[in-house]
């Protein structure tokens, strides 16, 4: 009887020790797993638009190619919209060091990302002496693949944030407009451990500075979030990034090129190219007067 007891204790100990403690942060996963949420210019579009994006993440032992599609549909033009996006597919190649650090099973492969669903509501309209205010409510599903290779979380998340934006227009100047945008919100996602599931909560923040000249604009954005969980010194649920994006508008279609630098706990550099296409004929006309 004593031998049977000792055997059961040994088997339970082995089972527990075989479970790896996974760090659900940007410092231990791929670049598309739980990135710093993007925010816009505190405006809701008048027409439906589709954005197609290609990304290349590099540096720090992880090279990732991915594509992304975003669709924003204004239910009430310039007032209320629904936005959906997803990383369709990514190809990754990492070093042996990264495989060991993240407890991955292989060095390269393909994965598909999470669905994000967002509702956007304009709370305040921009006026001469007051800014615009947009409220965003976002759900991140647990639909991403290849968790065993630390590409996407196997848990869901959500965030709420507000965008505050104000434009300053100049006449007879090379710079036609300067727009300032700030972002503040609450971000939460589940963290699974061998014994219990907990929730990591974070404060989101961001600042954006936009310069416009005719059909060209330059956006510089500083953003990040700070979670409360800390297991090791480089746990990494406090990522911080800076991005610079150049936009070209050609016949209402917006083309853009972006470089993003991971300042802290986001060990990736990013080059992004994309196009935003307006689809006026696919814009709902719920409130058209006949």
Protein backbone atom coordinates (compact mmCIF):
# COMPACT_ATOMS: atom_id res chain seq x y z
CA UNK A 1 0.00 0.00 0.00
CA UNK A 2 2.85 2.35 0.87
CA UNK A 3 4.55 1.59 -2.47
CA UNK A 4 1.35 2.41 -4.35
CA UNK A 5 1.09 5.74 -2.51
CA UNK A 6 4.69 6.65 -3.30
CA UNK A 7 4.17 5.74 -6.98
CA UNK A 8 1.09 7.98 -7.25
CA UNK A 9 2.96 10.88 -5.64
CA UNK A 10 5.85 10.39 -8.07
CA UNK A 11 3.55 10.35 -11.11
CA UNK A 12 1.74 13.52 -9.98
CA UNK A 13 5.05 15.26 -9.41
CA UNK A 14 6.28 14.32 -12.86
CA UNK A 15 3.05 15.50 -14.47
CA UNK A 16 3.25 18.88 -12.74
CA UNK A 17 6.93 19.38 -13.51
CA UNK A 18 6.33 18.62 -17.20
CA UNK A 19 3.98 21.57 -17.47
CA UNK A 20 5.74 24.67 -18.74
CA UNK A 21 4.87 28.04 -17.20
CA UNK A 22 4.01 30.18 -20.23
CA UNK A 23 4.52 33.94 -20.15
CA UNK A 24 1.58 35.51 -22.04
CA UNK A 25 3.41 38.66 -23.11
CA UNK A 26 4.91 40.28 -26.21
CA UNK A 27 8.36 39.40 -24.86
CA UNK A 28 7.73 35.64 -25.19
CA UNK A 29 5.39 35.40 -28.21
CA UNK A 30 5.32 36.41 -31.87
CA UNK A 31 4.74 40.05 -32.88
CA UNK A 32 1.06 39.57 -33.74
CA UNK A 33 0.05 37.77 -30.52
CA UNK A 34 -0.79 40.67 -28.21
CA UNK A 35 0.64 43.81 -29.81
CA UNK A 36 0.20 47.36 -28.58
CA UNK A 37 -3.30 48.28 -29.85
CA UNK A 38 -3.35 50.77 -32.70
CA UNK A 39 -5.52 53.86 -32.57
CA UNK A 40 -6.73 56.15 -35.34
CA UNK A 41 -7.04 59.92 -35.69
CA UNK A 42 -10.18 60.18 -33.48
CA UNK A 43 -12.43 60.31 -36.53
CA UNK A 44 -15.00 57.86 -37.91
CA UNK A 45 -15.16 57.52 -41.71
CA UNK A 46 -18.09 58.46 -43.87
CA UNK A 47 -17.81 55.39 -46.11
CA UNK A 48 -16.88 51.75 -45.70
CA UNK A 49 -13.19 51.12 -46.22
CA UNK A 50 -10.99 48.04 -46.57
CA UNK A 51 -7.32 48.10 -45.56
CA UNK A 52 -4.82 45.53 -46.83
CA UNK A 53 -1.51 45.32 -44.98
CA UNK A 54 1.78 43.49 -45.38
CA UNK A 55 4.23 43.37 -42.45
CA UNK A 56 7.82 42.29 -42.02
CA UNK A 57 9.08 41.95 -38.44
CA UNK A 58 12.79 41.42 -37.92
CA UNK A 59 15.61 41.60 -35.41
CA UNK A 60 16.14 39.95 -32.03
CA UNK A 61 16.03 36.41 -33.45
CA UNK A 62 12.49 36.40 -34.86
CA UNK A 63 11.76 37.12 -38.53
CA UNK A 64 8.05 37.19 -39.38
CA UNK A 65 6.18 37.92 -42.60
CA UNK A 66 2.44 38.49 -42.18
CA UNK A 67 -0.58 40.02 -43.85
CA UNK A 68 -3.61 41.66 -42.32
CA UNK A 69 -7.03 42.79 -43.48
CA UNK A 70 -9.23 45.42 -41.82
CA UNK A 71 -12.78 46.39 -42.67
CA UNK A 72 -14.54 49.39 -41.12
CA UNK A 73 -18.27 49.89 -41.79
CA UNK A 74 -19.94 53.12 -40.64
CA UNK A 75 -23.44 52.26 -39.44
CA UNK A 76 -24.03 55.99 -39.04
CA UNK A 77 -21.52 57.92 -41.17
CA UNK A 78 -18.94 59.80 -39.09
CA UNK A 79 -20.74 58.79 -35.87
CA UNK A 80 -20.88 55.01 -35.33
CA UNK A 81 -18.92 52.23 -37.00
CA UNK A 82 -18.01 48.55 -36.68
CA UNK A 83 -14.45 47.45 -37.42
CA UNK A 84 -13.13 43.92 -37.94
CA UNK A 85 -9.54 42.81 -38.57
CA UNK A 86 -7.39 39.70 -38.59
CA UNK A 87 -3.89 38.48 -39.37
CA UNK A 88 -4.73 36.09 -42.19
CA UNK A 89 -1.43 34.23 -42.21
CA UNK A 90 2.11 34.65 -40.98
CA UNK A 91 5.34 32.83 -41.72
CA UNK A 92 7.95 32.84 -38.98
CA UNK A 93 11.57 31.80 -38.66
CA UNK A 94 13.34 32.03 -35.30
CA UNK A 95 16.76 31.17 -33.91
CA UNK A 96 17.54 28.24 -31.60
CA UNK A 97 17.92 30.71 -28.74
CA UNK A 98 14.35 31.96 -29.24
CA UNK A 99 13.05 28.38 -29.46
CA UNK A 100 14.61 27.65 -26.08
CA UNK A 101 13.51 30.94 -24.49
CA UNK A 102 9.87 30.53 -25.51
CA UNK A 103 9.74 26.72 -25.13
CA UNK A 104 8.79 26.33 -28.79
CA UNK A 105 8.78 23.04 -30.70
CA UNK A 106 10.22 24.18 -34.03
CA UNK A 107 12.12 27.04 -35.64
CA UNK A 108 9.77 27.97 -38.48
CA UNK A 109 6.26 27.51 -39.80
CA UNK A 110 2.93 29.13 -40.59
CA UNK A 111 0.17 30.42 -38.31
CA UNK A 112 -3.08 32.35 -38.57
CA UNK A 113 -4.15 35.12 -36.21
CA UNK A 114 -6.98 36.25 -33.96
CA UNK A 115 -10.18 38.03 -34.98
CA UNK A 116 -10.69 41.51 -33.54
CA UNK A 117 -14.16 43.07 -33.45
CA UNK A 118 -14.50 46.73 -32.52
CA UNK A 119 -17.39 49.14 -32.05
CA UNK A 120 -16.58 52.85 -32.43
CA UNK A 121 -18.85 55.67 -31.24
CA UNK A 122 -18.25 59.39 -31.61
CA UNK A 123 -19.06 60.97 -28.25
CA UNK A 124 -18.06 64.56 -29.10
CA UNK A 125 -17.80 66.31 -32.46
CA UNK A 126 -14.78 68.47 -33.13
CA UNK A 127 -15.43 72.20 -33.04
CA UNK A 128 -13.32 75.33 -33.21
CA UNK A 129 -12.43 75.30 -29.53
CA UNK A 130 -13.03 71.66 -28.61
CA UNK A 131 -11.67 68.27 -29.75
CA UNK A 132 -13.40 65.19 -31.08
CA UNK A 133 -13.87 62.23 -28.75
CA UNK A 134 -14.32 58.63 -29.93
CA UNK A 135 -15.02 55.62 -27.71
CA UNK A 136 -13.77 52.19 -28.87
CA UNK A 137 -14.88 48.81 -27.48
CA UNK A 138 -12.83 45.88 -28.77
CA UNK A 139 -12.99 42.09 -28.39
CA UNK A 140 -10.03 39.86 -29.25
CA UNK A 141 -11.00 36.23 -29.84
CA UNK A 142 -8.85 33.19 -29.08
CA UNK A 143 -8.92 32.06 -32.71
CA UNK A 144 -5.19 32.31 -33.43
CA UNK A 145 -3.23 29.14 -34.13
CA UNK A 146 0.12 27.57 -33.18
CA UNK A 147 0.08 28.36 -29.48
CA UNK A 148 2.60 25.55 -28.92
CA UNK A 149 5.12 27.58 -30.91
CA UNK A 150 4.16 30.82 -29.13
CA UNK A 151 2.68 32.58 -32.14
CA UNK A 152 -0.75 33.48 -30.69
CA UNK A 153 -2.39 33.24 -27.27
CA UNK A 154 -4.93 30.50 -26.60
CA UNK A 155 -6.97 32.95 -24.53
CA UNK A 156 -9.26 35.86 -25.35
CA UNK A 157 -8.98 39.52 -24.43
CA UNK A 158 -10.70 42.88 -24.69
CA UNK A 159 -10.03 46.58 -24.34
CA UNK A 160 -11.87 49.88 -24.03
CA UNK A 161 -10.23 53.15 -25.01
CA UNK A 162 -10.99 56.74 -25.92
CA UNK A 163 -9.37 58.78 -28.69
CA UNK A 164 -9.15 62.55 -28.32
CA UNK A 165 -8.22 64.55 -31.43
CA UNK A 166 -7.86 68.20 -32.46
CA UNK A 167 -6.74 69.73 -35.78
CA UNK A 168 -5.05 73.07 -36.36
CA UNK A 169 -5.37 74.38 -39.92
CA UNK A 170 -2.91 76.86 -41.45
CA UNK A 171 -3.42 79.10 -44.47
CA UNK A 172 -0.61 80.14 -46.82
CA UNK A 173 1.77 77.64 -45.25
CA UNK A 174 3.61 74.53 -46.44
CA UNK A 175 1.96 72.57 -43.62
CA UNK A 176 -1.79 72.64 -44.26
CA UNK A 177 -2.81 70.96 -41.01
CA UNK A 178 -1.42 69.67 -37.74
CA UNK A 179 -3.50 67.13 -35.85
CA UNK A 180 -2.85 65.97 -32.29
CA UNK A 181 -4.40 62.73 -31.01
CA UNK A 182 -4.20 61.08 -27.61
CA UNK A 183 -5.39 57.66 -26.52
CA UNK A 184 -6.17 56.20 -23.11
CA UNK A 185 -7.79 52.90 -22.22
CA UNK A 186 -8.05 49.63 -20.30
CA UNK A 187 -6.71 46.36 -21.76
CA UNK A 188 -7.33 42.89 -20.31
CA UNK A 189 -6.45 39.32 -21.33
CA UNK A 190 -6.49 35.89 -19.71
CA UNK A 191 -3.28 34.21 -18.56
CA UNK A 192 -3.24 30.44 -18.09
CA UNK A 193 -0.91 28.76 -15.61
CA UNK A 194 -0.58 25.06 -14.67
CA UNK A 195 -2.85 25.53 -11.65
CA UNK A 196 -5.07 28.55 -12.22
CA UNK A 197 -6.24 31.09 -14.76
CA UNK A 198 -5.74 34.75 -13.92
CA UNK A 199 -6.46 38.01 -15.70
CA UNK A 200 -3.77 40.48 -16.66
CA UNK A 201 -5.08 44.06 -16.68
CA UNK A 202 -3.23 46.95 -18.28
CA UNK A 203 -3.50 50.69 -18.82
CA UNK A 204 -3.23 51.66 -22.51
CA UNK A 205 -1.80 54.98 -23.62
CA UNK A 206 -0.72 56.74 -26.78
CA UNK A 207 0.11 60.05 -28.45
CA UNK A 208 0.02 60.83 -32.17
CA UNK A 209 1.32 63.84 -34.08
CA UNK A 210 0.13 64.24 -37.70
CA UNK A 211 1.46 66.69 -40.30
CA UNK A 212 -0.47 67.19 -43.55
CA UNK A 213 0.52 68.78 -46.85
CA UNK A 214 -2.03 68.45 -49.66
CA UNK A 215 -2.41 64.71 -50.30
CA UNK A 216 0.58 63.68 -48.17
CA UNK A 217 0.66 63.20 -44.41
CA UNK A 218 3.19 62.01 -41.83
CA UNK A 219 2.12 60.31 -38.60
CA UNK A 220 4.41 59.82 -35.60
CA UNK A 221 2.98 57.66 -32.83
CA UNK A 222 4.19 56.71 -29.36
CA UNK A 223 2.11 54.09 -27.57
CA UNK A 224 2.12 51.19 -25.13
CA UNK A 225 0.40 49.48 -22.24
CA UNK A 226 1.36 48.46 -18.68
CA UNK A 227 0.08 45.23 -17.13
CA UNK A 228 0.19 44.33 -13.45
CA UNK A 229 1.58 40.76 -13.49
CA UNK A 230 5.30 40.29 -12.93
CA UNK A 231 6.93 36.85 -12.75
CA UNK A 232 10.49 37.52 -13.91
CA UNK A 233 12.50 40.68 -14.51
CA UNK A 234 11.87 40.57 -18.29
CA UNK A 235 8.29 39.26 -18.11
CA UNK A 236 7.34 41.93 -20.61
CA UNK A 237 3.69 42.89 -20.21
CA UNK A 238 4.69 46.57 -20.47
CA UNK A 239 5.51 46.93 -24.18
CA UNK A 240 6.28 50.35 -25.63
CA UNK A 241 6.63 51.22 -29.34
CA UNK A 242 7.26 54.18 -31.64
CA UNK A 243 6.11 54.28 -35.27
CA UNK A 244 6.44 56.70 -38.18
CA UNK A 245 4.03 56.37 -41.11
CA UNK A 246 3.95 58.19 -44.45
CA UNK A 247 0.57 58.39 -46.23
CA UNK A 248 -0.16 59.19 -49.88
CA UNK A 249 -3.73 59.80 -51.04
CA UNK A 250 -4.34 58.98 -54.71
CA UNK A 251 -7.92 59.36 -55.96
CA UNK A 252 -9.39 58.76 -52.50
CA UNK A 253 -7.26 55.63 -52.06
CA UNK A 254 -4.69 55.87 -49.26
CA UNK A 255 -1.28 54.21 -49.65
CA UNK A 256 1.11 54.07 -46.71
CA UNK A 257 4.56 53.00 -45.59
CA UNK A 258 5.45 52.58 -41.91
CA UNK A 259 8.44 51.79 -39.74
CA UNK A 260 7.92 50.75 -36.13
CA UNK A 261 10.55 50.39 -33.43
CA UNK A 262 10.07 48.35 -30.27
CA UNK A 263 11.32 50.60 -27.49
CA UNK A 264 10.72 48.21 -24.62
CA UNK A 265 9.44 44.62 -24.21
CA UNK A 266 8.49 44.41 -27.89
CA UNK A 267 11.59 42.77 -29.43
CA UNK A 268 10.76 43.49 -33.07
CA UNK A 269 11.37 46.10 -35.72
CA UNK A 270 8.57 46.42 -38.28
CA UNK A 271 8.26 47.53 -41.88
CA UNK A 272 4.66 47.86 -43.05
CA UNK A 273 3.16 48.64 -46.44
CA UNK A 274 -0.55 48.93 -47.09
CA UNK A 275 -3.47 50.45 -48.90
CA UNK A 276 -6.85 51.69 -47.67
CA UNK A 277 -9.62 51.46 -50.26
CA UNK A 278 -12.94 53.29 -49.86
CA UNK A 279 -16.06 51.32 -50.83
CA UNK A 280 -18.87 53.84 -50.99
CA UNK A 281 -21.29 51.38 -52.62
CA UNK A 282 -20.92 49.03 -49.61
CA UNK A 283 -21.74 51.72 -47.05
CA UNK A 284 -25.06 51.10 -45.24
CA UNK A 285 -27.76 53.67 -45.95
CA UNK A 286 -29.94 53.18 -42.89
CA UNK A 287 -30.83 56.84 -42.54
CA UNK A 288 -31.09 57.95 -46.14
CA UNK A 289 -34.03 60.23 -46.81
CA UNK A 290 -36.16 59.11 -49.74
